[in-house]
Amino acid sequence: MTDLDRYASTIAFPRELGRVVDGLELARREWRAGHARHAERGIRFPSRQALGRILRELGTALFPLRLGPPELTAENENRWVEATLESTLSQLAAQIALELRIARPAIDSVEEGERADRIVGDFAASLPAIRRLLDEDIQAGYANDPAARSVDEVLLSYPSVAAVIHHRLAHRLHKLGAELVARVIAEVAHAETGIDIHPGARIGRGFFLDHGTGVVIGETAIVGDRVRLYQGVTLGGEPSVTGAARAAGEAFVRRHPEIGDDVVIFAGAVLLGPITIGARTRIGGNVWLRRDVPPDHVVEVPEAIIAPAHS
């Protein structure tokens, strides 16, 4: 019997609930004793629920006539976008301020607010460029999926497009220094779509995830233009690379794959470590790859053997 089983067997619910409360208090105290930096000092953390709402509102501001309320028209969308951004960006600044307070507990409220406002201002200025990138991503989805009947269908119904919208926004925040907020946004997308893209990953233009479920793209991955990935693809890291870099005192090292332009990677392929895949290469389904591939190559596993079953 484990300690957990032994402890649980001594509790008569609900008469002994006080013992549970006391036990939880003791667990918290033990944690805080070993993690004094985040001990009880009134510190609040960015809210996953709030950031989920913020991301939905930003999506409607980017695509108002498709993701916004039904009463919107081309005549009133500008006023609605302005009002939406004014409210949403203010809420985003408040979440970023919480992150800044965690990183620097001694920061005063004036400096905290100014830094959060600068990050949000730079982020807001990037939104038109992000919208244009997303237009190319959506067009790539329409061009590469024979089942798609329109770009509107791709935007409205493809979970992979929702994941890419989240990533484009999260990546910009990550670059601006709001790394915790960006990571929470990425995990919101992961929970909603089953697609896990670290906000640090650099992804080029015209990116398309065909189906996309189970795709994993790591923090230092670099993805070129017009790349297409199918479901279950992993662009994973090599832990030994990270350990060696830390031992050498390096602040940053690429530990995930770099994918060239116009590469296609089919379902279930796993690419690990800081390898480089040349432009226009095709990686077959279920390939396990840990070495570089030159441009214009095809990588496949041997064809399955089909034989009659033994009676």
C-alpha atoms as a PDB file:
ATOM      1  CA  MET A   1       0.000   0.000   0.000  1.00  0.00           C
ATOM      2  CA  THR A   2       1.349   3.406  -0.958  1.00  0.00           C
ATOM      3  CA  ASP A   3       1.482   6.377   1.408  1.00  0.00           C
ATOM      4  CA  LEU A   4      -1.369   7.907  -0.581  1.00  0.00           C
ATOM      5  CA  ASP A   5      -3.530   4.792  -0.228  1.00  0.00           C
ATOM      6  CA  ARG A   6      -2.715   4.543   3.484  1.00  0.00           C
ATOM      7  CA  TYR A   7      -3.633   8.180   4.081  1.00  0.00           C
ATOM      8  CA  ALA A   8      -6.865   7.912   2.092  1.00  0.00           C
ATOM      9  CA  SER A   9      -7.947   4.817   3.999  1.00  0.00           C
ATOM     10  CA  THR A  10      -7.907   6.740   7.311  1.00  0.00           C
ATOM     11  CA  ILE A  11     -10.360   9.422   6.154  1.00  0.00           C
ATOM     12  CA  ALA A  12     -14.085   9.043   6.801  1.00  0.00           C
ATOM     13  CA  PHE A  13     -15.757  11.457   4.376  1.00  0.00           C
ATOM     14  CA  PRO A  14     -17.119  14.010   5.112  1.00  0.00           C
ATOM     15  CA  ARG A  15     -16.510  13.892   8.876  1.00  0.00           C
ATOM     16  CA  GLU A  16     -12.716  14.090   8.514  1.00  0.00           C
ATOM     17  CA  LEU A  17     -12.617  16.688   5.729  1.00  0.00           C
ATOM     18  CA  GLY A  18     -10.752  19.025   8.071  1.00  0.00           C
ATOM     19  CA  ARG A  19      -7.793  16.645   7.946  1.00  0.00           C
ATOM     20  CA  VAL A  20      -7.766  16.919   4.155  1.00  0.00           C
ATOM     21  CA  VAL A  21      -7.712  20.721   4.385  1.00  0.00           C
ATOM     22  CA  ASP A  22      -4.878  20.564   6.935  1.00  0.00           C
ATOM     23  CA  GLY A  23      -2.955  18.144   4.746  1.00  0.00           C
ATOM     24  CA  LEU A  24      -3.294  20.427   1.717  1.00  0.00           C
ATOM     25  CA  GLU A  25      -2.079  23.374   3.783  1.00  0.00           C
ATOM     26  CA  LEU A  26       0.991  21.387   4.830  1.00  0.00           C
ATOM     27  CA  ALA A  27       1.695  20.434   1.197  1.00  0.00           C
ATOM     28  CA  ARG A  28       1.491  24.103   0.171  1.00  0.00           C
ATOM     29  CA  ARG A  29       3.841  25.158   2.957  1.00  0.00           C
ATOM     30  CA  GLU A  30       6.385  22.516   1.960  1.00  0.00           C
ATOM     31  CA  TRP A  31       6.243  23.656  -1.663  1.00  0.00           C
ATOM     32  CA  ARG A  32       6.624  27.320  -0.765  1.00  0.00           C
ATOM     33  CA  ALA A  33       9.525  26.597   1.557  1.00  0.00           C
ATOM     34  CA  GLY A  34      11.435  25.188  -1.416  1.00  0.00           C
ATOM     35  CA  HIS A  35      10.222  27.797  -3.913  1.00  0.00           C
ATOM     36  CA  ALA A  36      10.537  31.021  -1.973  1.00  0.00           C
ATOM     37  CA  ARG A  37      10.488  33.143  -5.133  1.00  0.00           C
ATOM     38  CA  HIS A  38       6.773  32.450  -5.580  1.00  0.00           C
ATOM     39  CA  ALA A  39       5.814  32.284  -1.909  1.00  0.00           C
ATOM     40  CA  GLU A  40       2.693  34.040  -0.691  1.00  0.00           C
ATOM     41  CA  ARG A  41       3.353  37.673  -1.582  1.00  0.00           C
ATOM     42  CA  GLY A  42       0.095  38.489  -3.271  1.00  0.00           C
ATOM     43  CA  ILE A  43       1.494  37.432  -6.656  1.00  0.00           C
ATOM     44  CA  ARG A  44      -1.112  36.578  -9.267  1.00  0.00           C
ATOM     45  CA  PHE A  45      -0.419  34.682 -12.456  1.00  0.00           C
ATOM     46  CA  PRO A  46      -1.773  35.252 -15.972  1.00  0.00           C
ATOM     47  CA  SER A  47      -5.186  33.644 -16.306  1.00  0.00           C
ATOM     48  CA  ARG A  48      -5.663  30.872 -18.832  1.00  0.00           C
ATOM     49  CA  GLN A  49      -9.396  31.617 -18.949  1.00  0.00           C
ATOM     50  CA  ALA A  50      -8.837  35.331 -19.532  1.00  0.00           C
ATOM     51  CA  LEU A  51      -6.256  34.701 -22.261  1.00  0.00           C
ATOM     52  CA  GLY A  52      -8.627  32.278 -23.963  1.00  0.00           C
ATOM     53  CA  ARG A  53     -11.265  35.021 -24.123  1.00  0.00           C
ATOM     54  CA  ILE A  54      -8.688  37.555 -25.323  1.00  0.00           C
ATOM     55  CA  LEU A  55      -7.580  35.240 -28.119  1.00  0.00           C
ATOM     56  CA  ARG A  56     -11.144  34.704 -29.286  1.00  0.00           C
ATOM     57  CA  GLU A  57     -11.689  38.466 -29.408  1.00  0.00           C
ATOM     58  CA  LEU A  58      -8.440  39.030 -31.293  1.00  0.00           C
ATOM     59  CA  GLY A  59      -9.541  36.422 -33.809  1.00  0.00           C
ATOM     60  CA  THR A  60     -12.779  38.298 -34.400  1.00  0.00           C
ATOM     61  CA  ALA A  61     -10.853  41.550 -34.821  1.00  0.00           C
ATOM     62  CA  LEU A  62      -8.642  39.909 -37.434  1.00  0.00           C
ATOM     63  CA  PHE A  63     -11.578  38.351 -39.333  1.00  0.00           C
ATOM     64  CA  PRO A  64     -14.627  40.384 -38.282  1.00  0.00           C
ATOM     65  CA  LEU A  65     -17.064  39.393 -41.012  1.00  0.00           C
ATOM     66  CA  ARG A  66     -16.279  35.669 -40.597  1.00  0.00           C
ATOM     67  CA  LEU A  67     -15.577  35.250 -36.873  1.00  0.00           C
ATOM     68  CA  GLY A  68     -17.435  38.280 -35.500  1.00  0.00           C
ATOM     69  CA  PRO A  69     -21.111  38.691 -34.586  1.00  0.00           C
ATOM     70  CA  PRO A  70     -23.736  38.226 -37.316  1.00  0.00           C
ATOM     71  CA  GLU A  71     -24.904  41.849 -37.255  1.00  0.00           C
ATOM     72  CA  LEU A  72     -21.575  43.105 -38.599  1.00  0.00           C
ATOM     73  CA  THR A  73     -21.439  44.534 -42.116  1.00  0.00           C
ATOM     74  CA  ALA A  74     -18.677  46.041 -44.249  1.00  0.00           C
ATOM     75  CA  GLU A  75     -20.059  49.479 -43.281  1.00  0.00           C
ATOM     76  CA  ASN A  76     -19.767  49.099 -39.500  1.00  0.00           C
ATOM     77  CA  GLU A  77     -16.898  46.621 -39.089  1.00  0.00           C
ATOM     78  CA  ASN A  78     -14.213  49.290 -38.581  1.00  0.00           C
ATOM     79  CA  ARG A  79     -16.028  50.810 -35.615  1.00  0.00           C
ATOM     80  CA  TRP A  80     -16.582  47.376 -34.130  1.00  0.00           C
ATOM     81  CA  VAL A  81     -12.936  46.333 -34.645  1.00  0.00           C
ATOM     82  CA  GLU A  82     -11.730  49.540 -32.982  1.00  0.00           C
ATOM     83  CA  ALA A  83     -13.972  49.023 -29.951  1.00  0.00           C
ATOM     84  CA  THR A  84     -13.010  45.346 -29.710  1.00  0.00           C
ATOM     85  CA  LEU A  85      -9.283  46.069 -29.866  1.00  0.00           C
ATOM     86  CA  GLU A  86      -9.513  48.890 -27.339  1.00  0.00           C
ATOM     87  CA  SER A  87     -11.067  46.549 -24.778  1.00  0.00           C
ATOM     88  CA  THR A  88      -9.121  43.405 -25.662  1.00  0.00           C
ATOM     89  CA  LEU A  89      -5.670  44.987 -25.803  1.00  0.00           C
ATOM     90  CA  SER A  90      -6.281  46.599 -22.425  1.00  0.00           C
ATOM     91  CA  GLN A  91      -7.085  43.172 -20.976  1.00  0.00           C
ATOM     92  CA  LEU A  92      -3.975  41.727 -22.636  1.00  0.00           C
ATOM     93  CA  ALA A  93      -1.811  44.455 -21.091  1.00  0.00           C
ATOM     94  CA  ALA A  94      -3.143  43.519 -17.654  1.00  0.00           C
ATOM     95  CA  GLN A  95      -2.165  39.875 -18.200  1.00  0.00           C
ATOM     96  CA  ILE A  96       1.310  40.846 -19.407  1.00  0.00           C
ATOM     97  CA  ALA A  97       1.735  43.099 -16.363  1.00  0.00           C
ATOM     98  CA  LEU A  98       1.146  40.039 -14.164  1.00  0.00           C
ATOM     99  CA  GLU A  99       3.921  38.199 -15.994  1.00  0.00           C
ATOM    100  CA  LEU A 100       6.303  41.139 -15.558  1.00  0.00           C
ATOM    101  CA  ARG A 101       5.553  41.188 -11.838  1.00  0.00           C
ATOM    102  CA  ILE A 102       6.450  37.500 -11.548  1.00  0.00           C
ATOM    103  CA  ALA A 103       9.721  37.977 -13.431  1.00  0.00           C
ATOM    104  CA  ARG A 104      10.683  41.048 -11.369  1.00  0.00           C
ATOM    105  CA  PRO A 105       8.802  41.123  -8.040  1.00  0.00           C
ATOM    106  CA  ALA A 106      10.471  44.413  -7.091  1.00  0.00           C
ATOM    107  CA  ILE A 107       9.211  46.265 -10.177  1.00  0.00           C
ATOM    108  CA  ASP A 108       7.063  49.284  -9.325  1.00  0.00           C
ATOM    109  CA  SER A 109       3.567  49.615 -10.730  1.00  0.00           C
ATOM    110  CA  VAL A 110       4.443  52.561 -12.982  1.00  0.00           C
ATOM    111  CA  GLU A 111       7.309  50.776 -14.734  1.00  0.00           C
ATOM    112  CA  GLU A 112       5.266  47.581 -14.906  1.00  0.00           C
ATOM    113  CA  GLY A 113       2.412  49.394 -16.648  1.00  0.00           C
ATOM    114  CA  GLU A 114       4.739  51.217 -19.038  1.00  0.00           C
ATOM    115  CA  ARG A 115       6.507  48.015 -20.096  1.00  0.00           C
ATOM    116  CA  ALA A 116       3.228  46.159 -20.560  1.00  0.00           C
ATOM    117  CA  ASP A 117       1.874  49.042 -22.635  1.00  0.00           C
ATOM    118  CA  ARG A 118       4.993  49.050 -24.834  1.00  0.00           C
ATOM    119  CA  ILE A 119       4.701  45.324 -25.495  1.00  0.00           C
ATOM    120  CA  VAL A 120       1.004  45.606 -26.316  1.00  0.00           C
ATOM    121  CA  GLY A 121       1.606  48.656 -28.496  1.00  0.00           C
ATOM    122  CA  ASP A 122       4.214  46.802 -30.558  1.00  0.00           C
ATOM    123  CA  PHE A 123       1.946  43.759 -30.695  1.00  0.00           C
ATOM    124  CA  ALA A 124      -1.005  45.832 -31.911  1.00  0.00           C
ATOM    125  CA  ALA A 125       1.141  47.433 -34.613  1.00  0.00           C
ATOM    126  CA  SER A 126       1.942  43.907 -35.862  1.00  0.00           C
ATOM    127  CA  LEU A 127      -1.679  42.847 -36.326  1.00  0.00           C
ATOM    128  CA  PRO A 128      -2.043  43.949 -39.984  1.00  0.00           C
ATOM    129  CA  ALA A 129       1.082  41.967 -40.919  1.00  0.00           C
ATOM    130  CA  ILE A 130      -0.177  38.963 -38.944  1.00  0.00           C
ATOM    131  CA  ARG A 131      -3.511  39.173 -40.782  1.00  0.00           C
ATOM    132  CA  ARG A 132      -1.659  39.059 -44.132  1.00  0.00           C
ATOM    133  CA  LEU A 133       0.371  36.032 -43.010  1.00  0.00           C
ATOM    134  CA  LEU A 134      -2.818  34.274 -41.966  1.00  0.00           C
ATOM    135  CA  ASP A 135      -4.416  35.055 -45.335  1.00  0.00           C
ATOM    136  CA  GLU A 136      -1.547  33.142 -46.964  1.00  0.00           C
ATOM    137  CA  ASP A 137      -1.933  30.247 -44.505  1.00  0.00           C
ATOM    138  CA  ILE A 138      -5.654  29.992 -45.223  1.00  0.00           C
ATOM    139  CA  GLN A 139      -5.071  30.186 -48.971  1.00  0.00           C
ATOM    140  CA  ALA A 140      -2.485  27.386 -48.636  1.00  0.00           C
ATOM    141  CA  GLY A 141      -5.102  25.266 -46.889  1.00  0.00           C
ATOM    142  CA  TYR A 142      -7.583  25.833 -49.688  1.00  0.00           C
ATOM    143  CA  ALA A 143      -4.998  25.163 -52.404  1.00  0.00           C
ATOM    144  CA  ASN A 144      -3.683  21.953 -50.832  1.00  0.00           C
ATOM    145  CA  ASP A 145      -6.884  20.289 -49.637  1.00  0.00           C
ATOM    146  CA  PRO A 146      -9.124  18.942 -52.420  1.00  0.00           C
ATOM    147  CA  ALA A 147     -11.966  18.632 -49.887  1.00  0.00           C
ATOM    148  CA  ALA A 148     -12.018  22.406 -49.266  1.00  0.00           C
ATOM    149  CA  ARG A 149     -14.759  24.218 -51.188  1.00  0.00           C
ATOM    150  CA  SER A 150     -13.750  27.769 -50.244  1.00  0.00           C
ATOM    151  CA  VAL A 151     -11.284  29.778 -48.197  1.00  0.00           C
ATOM    152  CA  ASP A 152     -14.183  30.639 -45.878  1.00  0.00           C
ATOM    153  CA  GLU A 153     -14.690  26.940 -45.139  1.00  0.00           C
ATOM    154  CA  VAL A 154     -10.997  26.602 -44.284  1.00  0.00           C
ATOM    155  CA  LEU A 155     -11.106  29.578 -41.892  1.00  0.00           C
ATOM    156  CA  LEU A 156     -14.377  28.662 -40.224  1.00  0.00           C
ATOM    157  CA  SER A 157     -14.028  24.905 -39.805  1.00  0.00           C
ATOM    158  CA  TYR A 158     -10.378  23.785 -39.792  1.00  0.00           C
ATOM    159  CA  PRO A 159      -8.908  23.283 -36.289  1.00  0.00           C
ATOM    160  CA  SER A 160      -5.451  23.508 -37.850  1.00  0.00           C
ATOM    161  CA  VAL A 161      -6.180  27.078 -38.941  1.00  0.00           C
ATOM    162  CA  ALA A 162      -7.300  27.977 -35.418  1.00  0.00           C
ATOM    163  CA  ALA A 163      -3.990  26.590 -34.118  1.00  0.00           C
ATOM    164  CA  VAL A 164      -2.006  28.640 -36.635  1.00  0.00           C
ATOM    165  CA  ILE A 165      -3.928  31.826 -35.747  1.00  0.00           C
ATOM    166  CA  HIS A 166      -3.056  31.244 -32.090  1.00  0.00           C
ATOM    167  CA  HIS A 167       0.558  30.557 -32.992  1.00  0.00           C
ATOM    168  CA  ARG A 168       1.032  33.681 -35.103  1.00  0.00           C
ATOM    169  CA  LEU A 169      -0.250  35.815 -32.222  1.00  0.00           C
ATOM    170  CA  ALA A 170       1.629  33.885 -29.526  1.00  0.00           C
ATOM    171  CA  HIS A 171       4.893  33.955 -31.475  1.00  0.00           C
ATOM    172  CA  ARG A 172       4.794  37.733 -31.744  1.00  0.00           C
ATOM    173  CA  LEU A 173       4.182  38.092 -28.009  1.00  0.00           C
ATOM    174  CA  HIS A 174       7.002  35.625 -27.334  1.00  0.00           C
ATOM    175  CA  LYS A 175       9.409  37.727 -29.399  1.00  0.00           C
ATOM    176  CA  LEU A 176       8.307  40.876 -27.578  1.00  0.00           C
ATOM    177  CA  GLY A 177       9.155  39.366 -24.182  1.00  0.00           C
ATOM    178  CA  ALA A 178       5.763  38.116 -22.938  1.00  0.00           C
ATOM    179  CA  GLU A 179       6.938  34.509 -22.968  1.00  0.00           C
ATOM    180  CA  LEU A 180       4.686  33.137 -20.217  1.00  0.00           C
ATOM    181  CA  VAL A 181       1.559  34.731 -21.718  1.00  0.00           C
ATOM    182  CA  ALA A 182       2.581  33.353 -25.119  1.00  0.00           C
ATOM    183  CA  ARG A 183       3.059  29.870 -23.699  1.00  0.00           C
ATOM    184  CA  VAL A 184      -0.364  29.907 -22.055  1.00  0.00           C
ATOM    185  CA  ILE A 185      -1.909  30.973 -25.374  1.00  0.00           C
ATOM    186  CA  ALA A 186      -0.161  28.067 -27.100  1.00  0.00           C
ATOM    187  CA  GLU A 187      -1.548  25.648 -24.537  1.00  0.00           C
ATOM    188  CA  VAL A 188      -5.061  27.050 -25.013  1.00  0.00           C
ATOM    189  CA  ALA A 189      -4.708  26.196 -28.702  1.00  0.00           C
ATOM    190  CA  HIS A 190      -3.256  22.791 -27.850  1.00  0.00           C
ATOM    191  CA  ALA A 191      -6.235  21.948 -25.638  1.00  0.00           C
ATOM    192  CA  GLU A 192      -8.748  23.119 -28.239  1.00  0.00           C
ATOM    193  CA  THR A 193      -7.179  21.597 -31.369  1.00  0.00           C
ATOM    194  CA  GLY A 194      -4.821  18.795 -30.329  1.00  0.00           C
ATOM    195  CA  ILE A 195      -1.980  20.672 -32.089  1.00  0.00           C
ATOM    196  CA  ASP A 196       1.048  21.589 -29.962  1.00  0.00           C
ATOM    197  CA  ILE A 197       3.175  24.447 -31.352  1.00  0.00           C
ATOM    198  CA  HIS A 198       5.634  26.155 -29.032  1.00  0.00           C
ATOM    199  CA  PRO A 199       5.360  29.949 -29.404  1.00  0.00           C
ATOM    200  CA  GLY A 200       9.110  30.187 -29.961  1.00  0.00           C
ATOM    201  CA  ALA A 201       8.940  28.147 -33.190  1.00  0.00           C
ATOM    202  CA  ARG A 202       9.619  30.188 -36.333  1.00  0.00           C
ATOM    203  CA  ILE A 203       7.147  29.363 -39.094  1.00  0.00           C
ATOM    204  CA  GLY A 204       7.287  30.791 -42.611  1.00  0.00           C
ATOM    205  CA  ARG A 205       4.597  31.935 -45.007  1.00  0.00           C
ATOM    206  CA  GLY A 206       1.840  29.797 -46.499  1.00  0.00           C
ATOM    207  CA  PHE A 207       1.950  27.162 -43.736  1.00  0.00           C
ATOM    208  CA  PHE A 208      -0.644  24.388 -43.778  1.00  0.00           C
ATOM    209  CA  LEU A 209      -1.382  21.588 -41.332  1.00  0.00           C
ATOM    210  CA  ASP A 210      -3.458  18.990 -43.170  1.00  0.00           C
ATOM    211  CA  HIS A 211      -5.809  17.636 -40.476  1.00  0.00           C
ATOM    212  CA  GLY A 212      -3.132  18.491 -37.930  1.00  0.00           C
ATOM    213  CA  THR A 213      -4.214  16.396 -34.949  1.00  0.00           C
ATOM    214  CA  GLY A 214      -1.209  15.338 -32.900  1.00  0.00           C
ATOM    215  CA  VAL A 215       1.302  17.637 -34.586  1.00  0.00           C
ATOM    216  CA  VAL A 216       4.112  18.748 -32.243  1.00  0.00           C
ATOM    217  CA  ILE A 217       6.510  21.578 -33.143  1.00  0.00           C
ATOM    218  CA  GLY A 218       9.213  22.429 -30.623  1.00  0.00           C
ATOM    219  CA  GLU A 219      10.554  25.738 -29.377  1.00  0.00           C
ATOM    220  CA  THR A 220      13.615  26.120 -31.622  1.00  0.00           C
ATOM    221  CA  ALA A 221      12.125  24.618 -34.783  1.00  0.00           C
ATOM    222  CA  ILE A 222      12.463  26.654 -37.969  1.00  0.00           C
ATOM    223  CA  VAL A 223       9.901  26.033 -40.717  1.00  0.00           C
ATOM    224  CA  GLY A 224      10.320  27.570 -44.157  1.00  0.00           C
ATOM    225  CA  ASP A 225       7.746  28.923 -46.590  1.00  0.00           C
ATOM    226  CA  ARG A 226       4.919  26.848 -48.088  1.00  0.00           C
ATOM    227  CA  VAL A 227       5.571  23.838 -45.845  1.00  0.00           C
ATOM    228  CA  ARG A 228       2.839  21.246 -45.406  1.00  0.00           C
ATOM    229  CA  LEU A 229       2.619  18.865 -42.447  1.00  0.00           C
ATOM    230  CA  TYR A 230       0.122  16.061 -41.976  1.00  0.00           C
ATOM    231  CA  GLN A 231      -1.355  14.733 -38.734  1.00  0.00           C
ATOM    232  CA  GLY A 232       0.919  13.230 -36.103  1.00  0.00           C
ATOM    233  CA  VAL A 233       4.129  14.857 -37.325  1.00  0.00           C
ATOM    234  CA  THR A 234       6.693  15.658 -34.631  1.00  0.00           C
ATOM    235  CA  LEU A 235       9.458  18.230 -35.009  1.00  0.00           C
ATOM    236  CA  GLY A 236      11.050  17.266 -31.723  1.00  0.00           C
ATOM    237  CA  GLY A 237      14.051  18.246 -29.662  1.00  0.00           C
ATOM    238  CA  GLU A 238      17.115  16.322 -28.599  1.00  0.00           C
ATOM    239  CA  PRO A 239      17.508  16.559 -24.790  1.00  0.00           C
ATOM    240  CA  SER A 240      21.226  15.773 -24.926  1.00  0.00           C
ATOM    241  CA  VAL A 241      21.762  18.868 -27.078  1.00  0.00           C
ATOM    242  CA  THR A 242      20.195  21.050 -24.399  1.00  0.00           C
ATOM    243  CA  GLY A 243      22.290  19.465 -21.644  1.00  0.00           C
ATOM    244  CA  ALA A 244      25.537  19.960 -23.555  1.00  0.00           C
ATOM    245  CA  ALA A 245      24.672  23.589 -24.299  1.00  0.00           C
ATOM    246  CA  ARG A 246      23.933  24.333 -20.656  1.00  0.00           C
ATOM    247  CA  ALA A 247      27.171  22.669 -19.585  1.00  0.00           C
ATOM    248  CA  ALA A 248      29.051  24.890 -22.032  1.00  0.00           C
ATOM    249  CA  GLY A 249      27.268  27.989 -20.723  1.00  0.00           C
ATOM    250  CA  GLU A 250      25.450  28.712 -23.994  1.00  0.00           C
ATOM    251  CA  ALA A 251      22.305  30.796 -23.611  1.00  0.00           C
ATOM    252  CA  PHE A 252      20.608  29.391 -26.724  1.00  0.00           C
ATOM    253  CA  VAL A 253      21.086  26.451 -29.031  1.00  0.00           C
ATOM    254  CA  ARG A 254      18.839  25.035 -31.741  1.00  0.00           C
ATOM    255  CA  ARG A 255      17.703  21.572 -30.688  1.00  0.00           C
ATOM    256  CA  HIS A 256      14.801  21.074 -33.124  1.00  0.00           C
ATOM    257  CA  PRO A 257      14.684  20.527 -36.908  1.00  0.00           C
ATOM    258  CA  GLU A 258      14.989  23.207 -39.561  1.00  0.00           C
ATOM    259  CA  ILE A 259      12.620  22.577 -42.475  1.00  0.00           C
ATOM    260  CA  GLY A 260      13.335  24.136 -45.871  1.00  0.00           C
ATOM    261  CA  ASP A 261      10.849  25.771 -48.230  1.00  0.00           C
ATOM    262  CA  ASP A 262       8.194  23.674 -50.007  1.00  0.00           C
ATOM    263  CA  VAL A 263       8.798  20.558 -47.880  1.00  0.00           C
ATOM    264  CA  VAL A 264       5.972  18.055 -47.332  1.00  0.00           C
ATOM    265  CA  ILE A 265       6.025  15.767 -44.281  1.00  0.00           C
ATOM    266  CA  PHE A 266       3.435  12.997 -44.206  1.00  0.00           C
ATOM    267  CA  ALA A 267       1.495  11.552 -41.272  1.00  0.00           C
ATOM    268  CA  GLY A 268       3.294  10.128 -38.271  1.00  0.00           C
ATOM    269  CA  ALA A 269       6.816  11.182 -39.247  1.00  0.00           C
ATOM    270  CA  VAL A 270       9.140  11.972 -36.325  1.00  0.00           C
ATOM    271  CA  LEU A 271      12.080  14.311 -36.920  1.00  0.00           C
ATOM    272  CA  LEU A 272      14.392  14.766 -33.939  1.00  0.00           C
ATOM    273  CA  GLY A 273      17.231  17.098 -33.087  1.00  0.00           C
ATOM    274  CA  PRO A 274      18.882  20.043 -34.883  1.00  0.00           C
ATOM    275  CA  ILE A 275      18.764  18.396 -38.302  1.00  0.00           C
ATOM    276  CA  THR A 276      18.201  20.257 -41.567  1.00  0.00           C
ATOM    277  CA  ILE A 277      15.718  19.161 -44.229  1.00  0.00           C
ATOM    278  CA  GLY A 278      16.476  20.646 -47.631  1.00  0.00           C
ATOM    279  CA  ALA A 279      13.962  22.494 -49.777  1.00  0.00           C
ATOM    280  CA  ARG A 280      11.337  20.576 -51.756  1.00  0.00           C
ATOM    281  CA  THR A 281      12.055  17.305 -49.929  1.00  0.00           C
ATOM    282  CA  ARG A 282       9.266  14.865 -49.114  1.00  0.00           C
ATOM    283  CA  ILE A 283       9.304  12.864 -45.884  1.00  0.00           C
ATOM    284  CA  GLY A 284       7.112   9.754 -45.958  1.00  0.00           C
ATOM    285  CA  GLY A 285       4.670   8.660 -43.290  1.00  0.00           C
ATOM    286  CA  ASN A 286       5.989   7.059 -40.075  1.00  0.00           C
ATOM    287  CA  VAL A 287       9.622   7.880 -40.889  1.00  0.00           C
ATOM    288  CA  TRP A 288      11.940   8.243 -37.868  1.00  0.00           C
ATOM    289  CA  LEU A 289      14.650  10.712 -38.884  1.00  0.00           C
ATOM    290  CA  ARG A 290      17.696  12.048 -37.002  1.00  0.00           C
ATOM    291  CA  ARG A 291      19.997  13.175 -39.809  1.00  0.00           C
ATOM    292  CA  ASP A 292      20.107  15.875 -42.453  1.00  0.00           C
ATOM    293  CA  VAL A 293      18.435  15.438 -45.832  1.00  0.00           C
ATOM    294  CA  PRO A 294      19.610  17.373 -48.919  1.00  0.00           C
ATOM    295  CA  PRO A 295      17.175  19.369 -51.067  1.00  0.00           C
ATOM    296  CA  ASP A 296      14.942  17.596 -53.587  1.00  0.00           C
ATOM    297  CA  HIS A 297      15.037  14.173 -51.902  1.00  0.00           C
ATOM    298  CA  VAL A 298      12.397  11.633 -50.866  1.00  0.00           C
ATOM    299  CA  VAL A 299      12.660   9.763 -47.547  1.00  0.00           C
ATOM    300  CA  GLU A 300      10.448   6.704 -47.093  1.00  0.00           C
ATOM    301  CA  VAL A 301      10.223   3.585 -44.962  1.00  0.00           C
ATOM    302  CA  PRO A 302      10.318   0.275 -46.863  1.00  0.00           C
ATOM    303  CA  GLU A 303       7.012  -0.641 -48.392  1.00  0.00           C
ATOM    304  CA  ALA A 304       4.889  -2.903 -46.196  1.00  0.00           C
ATOM    305  CA  ILE A 305       5.039  -6.612 -46.982  1.00  0.00           C
ATOM    306  CA  ILE A 306       1.622  -8.057 -47.838  1.00  0.00           C
ATOM    307  CA  ALA A 307       1.355 -11.822 -47.506  1.00  0.00           C
ATOM    308  CA  PRO A 308      -1.481 -14.325 -47.032  1.00  0.00           C
ATOM    309  CA  ALA A 309      -2.329 -15.163 -43.433  1.00  0.00           C
ATOM    310  CA  HIS A 310      -1.378 -18.617 -42.167  1.00  0.00           C
ATOM    311  CA  SER A 311      -4.345 -20.907 -41.688  1.00  0.00           C
END
